[in-house]
Every structure is written in structure tokens, then in C-alpha cells.
Amino acid sequence: MSIPPLPEGLDDLPLTRTANALHSLSIHLLRRAREADKESGLSPERLSLLSVLTYAGPLSVTRLSELESVSLPAISRIVSALEERGLVKRTRSREDARAVSVKATAKGRRLMEKGRRRRLEIIARDLSQLSKSDQQQLSRIGVILENLEKTRRQEKMGR
């Protein structure tokens, strides 16, 4: 696996080279980790929706559609399939009967956590092949990226 060259028209700067490497390598890493998802018996779309509900909490069907960039009818079908398996539950709003909230059930959360644990084991196994020094450097990079994400969220909320 090699990192592809920068796309045409992008300045060849240290930050763009770093962004290119992070983008390419994270995709490869997640593809390897995604092997664990097959054990869930769910399609990637269903797993993605269940993940959003597990870690973001109950959401409206409309909000799920926005977050997943999928049409309302498609989201409704995915929710129905997950509901049939007992992984999510729909609830109608008491204030507005048209509003439907969807949340992960305990069974759905357990399935997601089991899958997440398997993914992390795969990634950790890959990372264990690095030197201790490289592992420590990656740990520091993780903190830096987490701080960047916190800043990005705070800026987004401030808008």
C-alpha cells in the first residue's frame, strides 16, 4: 500500500502531504478493521445507523437522514430492519405525533460495543508491530487530533 500523489491543483505543502497521508492510511486501517463488521450480520448501512444511535443517542428520523446523507424513505427502511431485529426502537413524540424518535436498544448497544471491541483489537494488533517510541508518538498524535476535533465542534456550536 502506498500513499497516492496529491491531487492536481493542491499545493505541495507539508500540511497537504500530511493530510494526504492521514486520509489514505486511515482508509486502509479502517478497511482492515471493517473485517470485524461481517460478524455482526448487518450491512454497512445498518451498522452505520446503529452506530450513530448508539453513540449519539436518540434522534429523529429526519436527523438520521441528514447525518447519514440518505433519503427519508431509505432511513425508514433501515430503521424498520433494525427494529425487526430488536436493535432499535421508535417512539412517537407526545407533543407531535408526526415526530418519531429512534434509539438503540440494549441489544443494539451490545452488538455495537462487541463490534467496536473487535475493530479496536484489529487496530491495536497492527499498532503493536510498531516500536514503543512510535507507539508513544502515535498516542501523542491521537491527543492532538482529539483536541483539533474538540476545537472544531466548539467552533461549529458557536456559529
N, C-alpha and C. Protein backbone atom coordinates (compact mmCIF):
# COMPACT_ATOMS: atom_id res chain seq x y z
N MET A 1 0.85 -1.17 0.00
CA MET A 1 0.00 0.00 0.00
C MET A 1 0.89 1.23 0.00
N SER A 2 0.62 2.09 -0.93
CA SER A 2 1.37 3.34 -0.95
C SER A 2 0.39 4.50 -0.92
N ILE A 3 0.93 5.62 -0.54
CA ILE A 3 0.11 6.83 -0.47
C ILE A 3 0.07 7.44 -1.86
N PRO A 4 -1.12 7.71 -2.38
CA PRO A 4 -1.20 8.29 -3.73
C PRO A 4 -0.65 9.71 -3.74
N PRO A 5 -0.25 10.17 -4.92
CA PRO A 5 0.24 11.56 -5.01
C PRO A 5 -0.89 12.54 -4.70
N LEU A 6 -0.50 13.75 -4.38
CA LEU A 6 -1.51 14.79 -4.13
C LEU A 6 -2.34 15.01 -5.38
N PRO A 7 -3.63 15.28 -5.20
CA PRO A 7 -4.47 15.59 -6.37
C PRO A 7 -3.97 16.85 -7.08
N GLU A 8 -4.19 16.87 -8.36
CA GLU A 8 -3.79 18.01 -9.16
C GLU A 8 -4.48 19.27 -8.64
N GLY A 9 -3.73 20.35 -8.60
CA GLY A 9 -4.27 21.64 -8.17
C GLY A 9 -4.11 21.90 -6.68
N LEU A 10 -3.64 20.90 -5.92
CA LEU A 10 -3.43 21.08 -4.49
C LEU A 10 -1.96 21.42 -4.27
N ASP A 11 -1.71 22.47 -3.50
CA ASP A 11 -0.33 22.89 -3.25
C ASP A 11 0.42 21.80 -2.50
N ASP A 12 1.65 21.54 -2.93
CA ASP A 12 2.50 20.54 -2.30
C ASP A 12 3.19 21.18 -1.10
N LEU A 13 2.48 21.17 0.02
CA LEU A 13 2.96 21.74 1.27
C LEU A 13 3.01 20.65 2.34
N PRO A 14 3.79 20.86 3.40
CA PRO A 14 3.83 19.84 4.46
C PRO A 14 2.44 19.45 4.99
N LEU A 15 1.57 20.44 5.20
CA LEU A 15 0.23 20.12 5.73
C LEU A 15 -0.61 19.32 4.74
N THR A 16 -0.53 19.65 3.46
CA THR A 16 -1.32 18.90 2.49
C THR A 16 -0.76 17.49 2.32
N ARG A 17 0.56 17.32 2.41
CA ARG A 17 1.15 15.98 2.34
C ARG A 17 0.72 15.16 3.57
N THR A 18 0.71 15.80 4.73
CA THR A 18 0.27 15.12 5.95
C THR A 18 -1.20 14.75 5.84
N ALA A 19 -2.03 15.67 5.36
CA ALA A 19 -3.46 15.39 5.18
C ALA A 19 -3.65 14.23 4.21
N ASN A 20 -2.89 14.20 3.14
CA ASN A 20 -2.97 13.13 2.15
C ASN A 20 -2.62 11.79 2.78
N ALA A 21 -1.55 11.77 3.56
CA ALA A 21 -1.12 10.53 4.21
C ALA A 21 -2.16 10.07 5.23
N LEU A 22 -2.65 10.98 6.08
CA LEU A 22 -3.66 10.61 7.07
C LEU A 22 -4.92 10.07 6.39
N HIS A 23 -5.33 10.73 5.34
CA HIS A 23 -6.53 10.31 4.61
C HIS A 23 -6.36 8.90 4.06
N SER A 24 -5.30 8.67 3.33
CA SER A 24 -5.07 7.38 2.70
C SER A 24 -4.86 6.26 3.72
N LEU A 25 -4.01 6.52 4.70
CA LEU A 25 -3.69 5.48 5.67
C LEU A 25 -4.86 5.16 6.59
N SER A 26 -5.66 6.17 6.94
CA SER A 26 -6.82 5.89 7.80
C SER A 26 -7.85 5.05 7.06
N ILE A 27 -8.00 5.29 5.77
CA ILE A 27 -8.92 4.47 4.98
C ILE A 27 -8.46 3.02 4.98
N HIS A 28 -7.17 2.79 4.75
CA HIS A 28 -6.65 1.42 4.74
C HIS A 28 -6.79 0.75 6.11
N LEU A 29 -6.51 1.49 7.15
CA LEU A 29 -6.62 0.95 8.50
C LEU A 29 -8.07 0.57 8.81
N LEU A 30 -9.00 1.44 8.45
CA LEU A 30 -10.41 1.16 8.73
C LEU A 30 -10.95 0.03 7.86
N ARG A 31 -10.43 -0.12 6.66
CA ARG A 31 -10.84 -1.26 5.82
C ARG A 31 -10.45 -2.58 6.49
N ARG A 32 -9.25 -2.62 7.05
CA ARG A 32 -8.83 -3.84 7.75
C ARG A 32 -9.71 -4.08 8.98
N ALA A 33 -9.99 -3.02 9.71
CA ALA A 33 -10.82 -3.15 10.92
C ALA A 33 -12.25 -3.54 10.58
N ARG A 34 -12.71 -3.12 9.41
CA ARG A 34 -14.09 -3.39 8.99
C ARG A 34 -14.35 -4.88 8.79
N GLU A 35 -13.28 -5.66 8.66
CA GLU A 35 -13.44 -7.12 8.55
C GLU A 35 -14.26 -7.66 9.73
N ALA A 36 -14.08 -7.05 10.89
CA ALA A 36 -14.81 -7.48 12.09
C ALA A 36 -16.31 -7.25 11.95
N ASP A 37 -16.71 -6.29 11.12
CA ASP A 37 -18.12 -5.95 10.98
C ASP A 37 -18.94 -7.08 10.36
N LYS A 38 -18.30 -7.92 9.58
CA LYS A 38 -19.01 -9.02 8.93
C LYS A 38 -19.65 -9.95 9.95
N GLU A 39 -19.02 -10.06 11.12
CA GLU A 39 -19.53 -10.95 12.17
C GLU A 39 -20.87 -10.47 12.73
N SER A 40 -21.20 -9.20 12.54
CA SER A 40 -22.44 -8.66 13.10
C SER A 40 -23.67 -9.16 12.34
N GLY A 41 -23.48 -9.52 11.07
CA GLY A 41 -24.61 -9.93 10.25
C GLY A 41 -25.41 -8.77 9.70
N LEU A 42 -24.92 -7.55 9.90
CA LEU A 42 -25.61 -6.35 9.40
C LEU A 42 -24.85 -5.76 8.22
N SER A 43 -25.60 -5.10 7.34
CA SER A 43 -24.97 -4.40 6.23
C SER A 43 -24.23 -3.17 6.76
N PRO A 44 -23.30 -2.64 5.99
CA PRO A 44 -22.60 -1.43 6.43
C PRO A 44 -23.55 -0.27 6.73
N GLU A 45 -24.62 -0.13 5.95
CA GLU A 45 -25.58 0.95 6.17
C GLU A 45 -26.30 0.79 7.50
N ARG A 46 -26.68 -0.42 7.80
CA ARG A 46 -27.38 -0.68 9.06
C ARG A 46 -26.44 -0.49 10.25
N LEU A 47 -25.21 -0.96 10.11
CA LEU A 47 -24.23 -0.77 11.18
C LEU A 47 -23.95 0.71 11.42
N SER A 48 -23.85 1.46 10.33
CA SER A 48 -23.58 2.89 10.46
C SER A 48 -24.70 3.59 11.23
N LEU A 49 -25.93 3.28 10.87
CA LEU A 49 -27.07 3.90 11.55
C LEU A 49 -27.13 3.49 13.01
N LEU A 50 -26.90 2.21 13.27
CA LEU A 50 -26.91 1.73 14.66
C LEU A 50 -25.79 2.39 15.46
N SER A 51 -24.66 2.61 14.84
CA SER A 51 -23.54 3.29 15.50
C SER A 51 -23.92 4.71 15.88
N VAL A 52 -24.53 5.42 14.96
CA VAL A 52 -24.96 6.80 15.25
C VAL A 52 -25.91 6.81 16.44
N LEU A 53 -26.87 5.91 16.45
CA LEU A 53 -27.85 5.87 17.54
C LEU A 53 -27.23 5.43 18.86
N THR A 54 -26.25 4.53 18.78
CA THR A 54 -25.59 4.05 20.00
C THR A 54 -24.76 5.15 20.64
N TYR A 55 -24.02 5.90 19.84
CA TYR A 55 -23.08 6.86 20.41
C TYR A 55 -23.59 8.30 20.44
N ALA A 56 -24.61 8.62 19.65
CA ALA A 56 -25.16 9.98 19.68
C ALA A 56 -26.46 10.05 20.46
N GLY A 57 -27.05 8.90 20.73
CA GLY A 57 -28.31 8.90 21.47
C GLY A 57 -29.50 8.95 20.53
N PRO A 58 -30.70 9.00 21.11
CA PRO A 58 -31.92 9.01 20.29
C PRO A 58 -31.95 10.22 19.35
N LEU A 59 -32.42 9.96 18.13
CA LEU A 59 -32.50 11.01 17.12
C LEU A 59 -33.77 10.85 16.31
N SER A 60 -34.21 11.93 15.70
CA SER A 60 -35.37 11.86 14.82
C SER A 60 -34.97 11.18 13.51
N VAL A 61 -35.95 10.66 12.82
CA VAL A 61 -35.70 10.04 11.52
C VAL A 61 -35.12 11.09 10.56
N THR A 62 -35.64 12.30 10.63
CA THR A 62 -35.13 13.38 9.78
C THR A 62 -33.65 13.65 10.05
N ARG A 63 -33.28 13.73 11.31
CA ARG A 63 -31.88 13.98 11.67
C ARG A 63 -30.99 12.82 11.23
N LEU A 64 -31.48 11.60 11.38
CA LEU A 64 -30.71 10.44 10.91
C LEU A 64 -30.48 10.52 9.40
N SER A 65 -31.51 10.92 8.69
CA SER A 65 -31.39 11.08 7.24
C SER A 65 -30.31 12.10 6.90
N GLU A 66 -30.29 13.20 7.63
CA GLU A 66 -29.27 14.23 7.40
C GLU A 66 -27.87 13.72 7.72
N LEU A 67 -27.71 13.08 8.87
CA LEU A 67 -26.40 12.60 9.30
C LEU A 67 -25.84 11.52 8.38
N GLU A 68 -26.70 10.65 7.91
CA GLU A 68 -26.26 9.54 7.07
C GLU A 68 -26.28 9.89 5.58
N SER A 69 -26.78 11.09 5.25
CA SER A 69 -26.90 11.52 3.85
C SER A 69 -27.66 10.49 3.02
N VAL A 70 -28.79 10.09 3.57
CA VAL A 70 -29.65 9.09 2.93
C VAL A 70 -31.07 9.64 2.95
N SER A 71 -31.87 9.29 1.94
CA SER A 71 -33.24 9.77 1.86
C SER A 71 -34.08 9.28 3.05
N LEU A 72 -35.14 10.00 3.33
CA LEU A 72 -36.05 9.60 4.42
C LEU A 72 -36.63 8.20 4.20
N PRO A 73 -37.09 7.87 2.99
CA PRO A 73 -37.60 6.50 2.79
C PRO A 73 -36.53 5.43 3.05
N ALA A 74 -35.29 5.69 2.64
CA ALA A 74 -34.22 4.72 2.87
C ALA A 74 -33.93 4.58 4.36
N ILE A 75 -33.90 5.69 5.07
CA ILE A 75 -33.67 5.63 6.52
C ILE A 75 -34.79 4.86 7.19
N SER A 76 -36.02 5.10 6.77
CA SER A 76 -37.16 4.39 7.35
C SER A 76 -37.04 2.89 7.14
N ARG A 77 -36.59 2.47 5.95
CA ARG A 77 -36.40 1.04 5.69
C ARG A 77 -35.30 0.46 6.58
N ILE A 78 -34.20 1.20 6.73
CA ILE A 78 -33.10 0.72 7.58
C ILE A 78 -33.57 0.61 9.03
N VAL A 79 -34.27 1.64 9.50
CA VAL A 79 -34.79 1.62 10.87
C VAL A 79 -35.73 0.44 11.06
N SER A 80 -36.61 0.19 10.09
CA SER A 80 -37.54 -0.94 10.19
C SER A 80 -36.80 -2.26 10.30
N ALA A 81 -35.76 -2.42 9.49
CA ALA A 81 -34.98 -3.66 9.52
C ALA A 81 -34.28 -3.84 10.87
N LEU A 82 -33.74 -2.75 11.40
CA LEU A 82 -33.08 -2.82 12.71
C LEU A 82 -34.10 -3.08 13.82
N GLU A 83 -35.27 -2.48 13.67
CA GLU A 83 -36.33 -2.66 14.66
C GLU A 83 -36.81 -4.11 14.68
N GLU A 84 -36.92 -4.73 13.50
CA GLU A 84 -37.34 -6.14 13.42
C GLU A 84 -36.37 -7.06 14.16
N ARG A 85 -35.11 -6.67 14.20
CA ARG A 85 -34.10 -7.47 14.89
C ARG A 85 -33.97 -7.09 16.37
N GLY A 86 -34.77 -6.12 16.81
CA GLY A 86 -34.74 -5.71 18.21
C GLY A 86 -33.53 -4.85 18.56
N LEU A 87 -32.93 -4.20 17.56
CA LEU A 87 -31.72 -3.40 17.78
C LEU A 87 -32.01 -1.92 18.01
N VAL A 88 -33.16 -1.46 17.53
CA VAL A 88 -33.59 -0.07 17.75
C VAL A 88 -35.07 -0.07 18.09
N LYS A 89 -35.51 1.07 18.63
CA LYS A 89 -36.93 1.24 18.99
C LYS A 89 -37.35 2.63 18.57
N ARG A 90 -38.51 2.71 17.94
CA ARG A 90 -39.09 4.00 17.56
C ARG A 90 -40.06 4.44 18.64
N THR A 91 -40.09 5.75 18.87
CA THR A 91 -41.03 6.32 19.82
C THR A 91 -41.63 7.58 19.21
N ARG A 92 -42.95 7.69 19.29
CA ARG A 92 -43.63 8.90 18.81
C ARG A 92 -43.60 9.95 19.89
N SER A 93 -43.44 11.19 19.48
CA SER A 93 -43.43 12.31 20.41
C SER A 93 -44.83 12.51 20.99
N ARG A 94 -44.88 12.83 22.27
CA ARG A 94 -46.18 13.11 22.90
C ARG A 94 -46.73 14.46 22.44
N GLU A 95 -45.82 15.39 22.15
CA GLU A 95 -46.22 16.73 21.72
C GLU A 95 -46.65 16.76 20.26
N ASP A 96 -45.98 15.97 19.42
CA ASP A 96 -46.25 15.99 17.98
C ASP A 96 -46.23 14.55 17.49
N ALA A 97 -47.39 13.97 17.25
CA ALA A 97 -47.48 12.55 16.87
C ALA A 97 -46.77 12.25 15.56
N ARG A 98 -46.49 13.29 14.75
CA ARG A 98 -45.78 13.06 13.49
C ARG A 98 -44.30 12.85 13.72
N ALA A 99 -43.78 13.36 14.83
CA ALA A 99 -42.35 13.27 15.12
C ALA A 99 -42.02 11.90 15.71
N VAL A 100 -41.02 11.25 15.11
CA VAL A 100 -40.61 9.92 15.56
C VAL A 100 -39.14 9.99 15.97
N SER A 101 -38.87 9.48 17.15
CA SER A 101 -37.50 9.40 17.65
C SER A 101 -37.08 7.93 17.61
N VAL A 102 -35.82 7.70 17.28
CA VAL A 102 -35.30 6.34 17.21
C VAL A 102 -34.13 6.23 18.18
N LYS A 103 -34.10 5.13 18.94
CA LYS A 103 -32.97 4.93 19.85
C LYS A 103 -32.51 3.49 19.77
N ALA A 104 -31.24 3.28 20.08
CA ALA A 104 -30.69 1.93 20.12
C ALA A 104 -31.21 1.23 21.37
N THR A 105 -31.54 -0.03 21.24
CA THR A 105 -31.93 -0.83 22.40
C THR A 105 -30.67 -1.35 23.09
N ALA A 106 -30.85 -1.95 24.24
CA ALA A 106 -29.70 -2.54 24.94
C ALA A 106 -29.04 -3.61 24.06
N LYS A 107 -29.84 -4.38 23.35
CA LYS A 107 -29.31 -5.40 22.44
C LYS A 107 -28.49 -4.74 21.33
N GLY A 108 -28.99 -3.64 20.79
CA GLY A 108 -28.27 -2.91 19.74
C GLY A 108 -26.95 -2.34 20.24
N ARG A 109 -26.99 -1.79 21.44
CA ARG A 109 -25.75 -1.22 22.02
C ARG A 109 -24.72 -2.32 22.28
N ARG A 110 -25.17 -3.47 22.76
CA ARG A 110 -24.25 -4.59 22.99
C ARG A 110 -23.61 -5.05 21.68
N LEU A 111 -24.41 -5.14 20.63
CA LEU A 111 -23.89 -5.54 19.32
C LEU A 111 -22.83 -4.55 18.83
N MET A 112 -23.13 -3.25 18.99
CA MET A 112 -22.16 -2.23 18.55
C MET A 112 -20.89 -2.29 19.37
N GLU A 113 -21.00 -2.44 20.66
CA GLU A 113 -19.81 -2.49 21.51
C GLU A 113 -18.97 -3.72 21.23
N LYS A 114 -19.63 -4.84 20.95
CA LYS A 114 -18.89 -6.06 20.60
C LYS A 114 -18.11 -5.84 19.30
N GLY A 115 -18.76 -5.26 18.32
CA GLY A 115 -18.09 -4.96 17.05
C GLY A 115 -16.98 -3.95 17.21
N ARG A 116 -17.23 -2.93 18.00
CA ARG A 116 -16.21 -1.90 18.23
C ARG A 116 -14.99 -2.51 18.92
N ARG A 117 -15.24 -3.39 19.88
CA ARG A 117 -14.14 -4.06 20.57
C ARG A 117 -13.30 -4.87 19.58
N ARG A 118 -13.96 -5.60 18.66
CA ARG A 118 -13.24 -6.38 17.66
C ARG A 118 -12.43 -5.47 16.73
N ARG A 119 -13.02 -4.36 16.31
CA ARG A 119 -12.30 -3.41 15.44
C ARG A 119 -11.05 -2.89 16.15
N LEU A 120 -11.22 -2.50 17.41
CA LEU A 120 -10.08 -1.95 18.16
C LEU A 120 -9.00 -2.99 18.38
N GLU A 121 -9.39 -4.24 18.56
CA GLU A 121 -8.40 -5.31 18.69
C GLU A 121 -7.58 -5.45 17.42
N ILE A 122 -8.23 -5.35 16.27
CA ILE A 122 -7.53 -5.44 14.98
C ILE A 122 -6.55 -4.29 14.83
N ILE A 123 -7.02 -3.08 15.13
CA ILE A 123 -6.15 -1.91 15.01
C ILE A 123 -4.99 -1.99 16.00
N ALA A 124 -5.29 -2.38 17.24
CA ALA A 124 -4.23 -2.49 18.25
C ALA A 124 -3.20 -3.54 17.85
N ARG A 125 -3.67 -4.63 17.26
CA ARG A 125 -2.72 -5.67 16.79
C ARG A 125 -1.78 -5.09 15.73
N ASP A 126 -2.33 -4.30 14.81
CA ASP A 126 -1.48 -3.65 13.80
C ASP A 126 -0.48 -2.71 14.48
N LEU A 127 -0.97 -1.90 15.41
CA LEU A 127 -0.11 -0.91 16.07
C LEU A 127 0.95 -1.56 16.95
N SER A 128 0.68 -2.76 17.44
CA SER A 128 1.65 -3.44 18.31
C SER A 128 2.93 -3.80 17.57
N GLN A 129 2.88 -3.77 16.26
CA GLN A 129 4.06 -4.08 15.45
C GLN A 129 5.04 -2.90 15.40
N LEU A 130 4.60 -1.75 15.86
CA LEU A 130 5.46 -0.56 15.87
C LEU A 130 6.39 -0.58 17.08
N SER A 131 7.45 0.18 16.99
CA SER A 131 8.35 0.32 18.14
C SER A 131 7.61 1.06 19.25
N LYS A 132 8.09 0.92 20.47
CA LYS A 132 7.48 1.62 21.62
C LYS A 132 7.52 3.13 21.38
N SER A 133 8.62 3.61 20.83
CA SER A 133 8.76 5.04 20.55
C SER A 133 7.68 5.51 19.56
N ASP A 134 7.47 4.73 18.49
CA ASP A 134 6.44 5.09 17.51
C ASP A 134 5.04 5.00 18.13
N GLN A 135 4.84 4.01 18.99
CA GLN A 135 3.54 3.89 19.67
C GLN A 135 3.27 5.11 20.54
N GLN A 136 4.30 5.58 21.25
CA GLN A 136 4.14 6.77 22.09
C GLN A 136 3.87 8.01 21.23
N GLN A 137 4.57 8.11 20.11
CA GLN A 137 4.35 9.24 19.22
C GLN A 137 2.92 9.22 18.66
N LEU A 138 2.44 8.05 18.29
CA LEU A 138 1.06 7.94 17.82
C LEU A 138 0.06 8.32 18.90
N SER A 139 0.35 7.95 20.12
CA SER A 139 -0.51 8.31 21.24
C SER A 139 -0.59 9.83 21.38
N ARG A 140 0.54 10.51 21.25
CA ARG A 140 0.54 11.98 21.31
C ARG A 140 -0.22 12.58 20.13
N ILE A 141 -0.08 11.99 18.97
CA ILE A 141 -0.80 12.46 17.79
C ILE A 141 -2.31 12.28 18.02
N GLY A 142 -2.69 11.17 18.64
CA GLY A 142 -4.11 10.96 18.95
C GLY A 142 -4.68 12.07 19.82
N VAL A 143 -3.92 12.49 20.82
CA VAL A 143 -4.35 13.58 21.70
C VAL A 143 -4.47 14.88 20.90
N ILE A 144 -3.51 15.14 20.04
CA ILE A 144 -3.54 16.35 19.21
C ILE A 144 -4.77 16.36 18.31
N LEU A 145 -5.05 15.23 17.66
CA LEU A 145 -6.21 15.15 16.78
C LEU A 145 -7.52 15.25 17.55
N GLU A 146 -7.55 14.69 18.75
CA GLU A 146 -8.74 14.81 19.60
C GLU A 146 -8.98 16.28 19.96
N ASN A 147 -7.92 16.99 20.29
CA ASN A 147 -8.05 18.42 20.61
C ASN A 147 -8.52 19.21 19.40
N LEU A 148 -8.04 18.85 18.22
CA LEU A 148 -8.48 19.50 16.99
C LEU A 148 -9.97 19.29 16.79
N GLU A 149 -10.44 18.08 17.03
CA GLU A 149 -11.86 17.76 16.87
C GLU A 149 -12.71 18.53 17.89
N LYS A 150 -12.23 18.63 19.12
CA LYS A 150 -12.97 19.40 20.14
C LYS A 150 -13.08 20.86 19.72
N THR A 151 -12.00 21.42 19.22
CA THR A 151 -12.00 22.81 18.75
C THR A 151 -12.97 22.98 17.60
N ARG A 152 -12.96 22.05 16.67
CA ARG A 152 -13.86 22.11 15.52
C ARG A 152 -15.32 22.07 15.97
N ARG A 153 -15.64 21.20 16.94
CA ARG A 153 -17.02 21.10 17.44
C ARG A 153 -17.43 22.39 18.15
N GLN A 154 -16.51 22.95 18.94
CA GLN A 154 -16.83 24.19 19.66
C GLN A 154 -17.07 25.33 18.68
N GLU A 155 -16.26 25.41 17.64
CA GLU A 155 -16.46 26.44 16.62
C GLU A 155 -17.78 26.26 15.91
N LYS A 156 -18.15 25.02 15.64
CA LYS A 156 -19.40 24.72 14.96
C LYS A 156 -20.59 25.12 15.84
N MET A 157 -20.48 24.87 17.14
CA MET A 157 -21.56 25.23 18.07
C MET A 157 -21.68 26.72 18.23
N GLY A 158 -20.57 27.44 18.07
CA GLY A 158 -20.55 28.88 18.23
C GLY A 158 -21.17 29.63 17.06
N ARG A 159 -21.40 28.92 15.97
CA ARG A 159 -21.97 29.58 14.78
C ARG A 159 -23.41 29.92 14.97
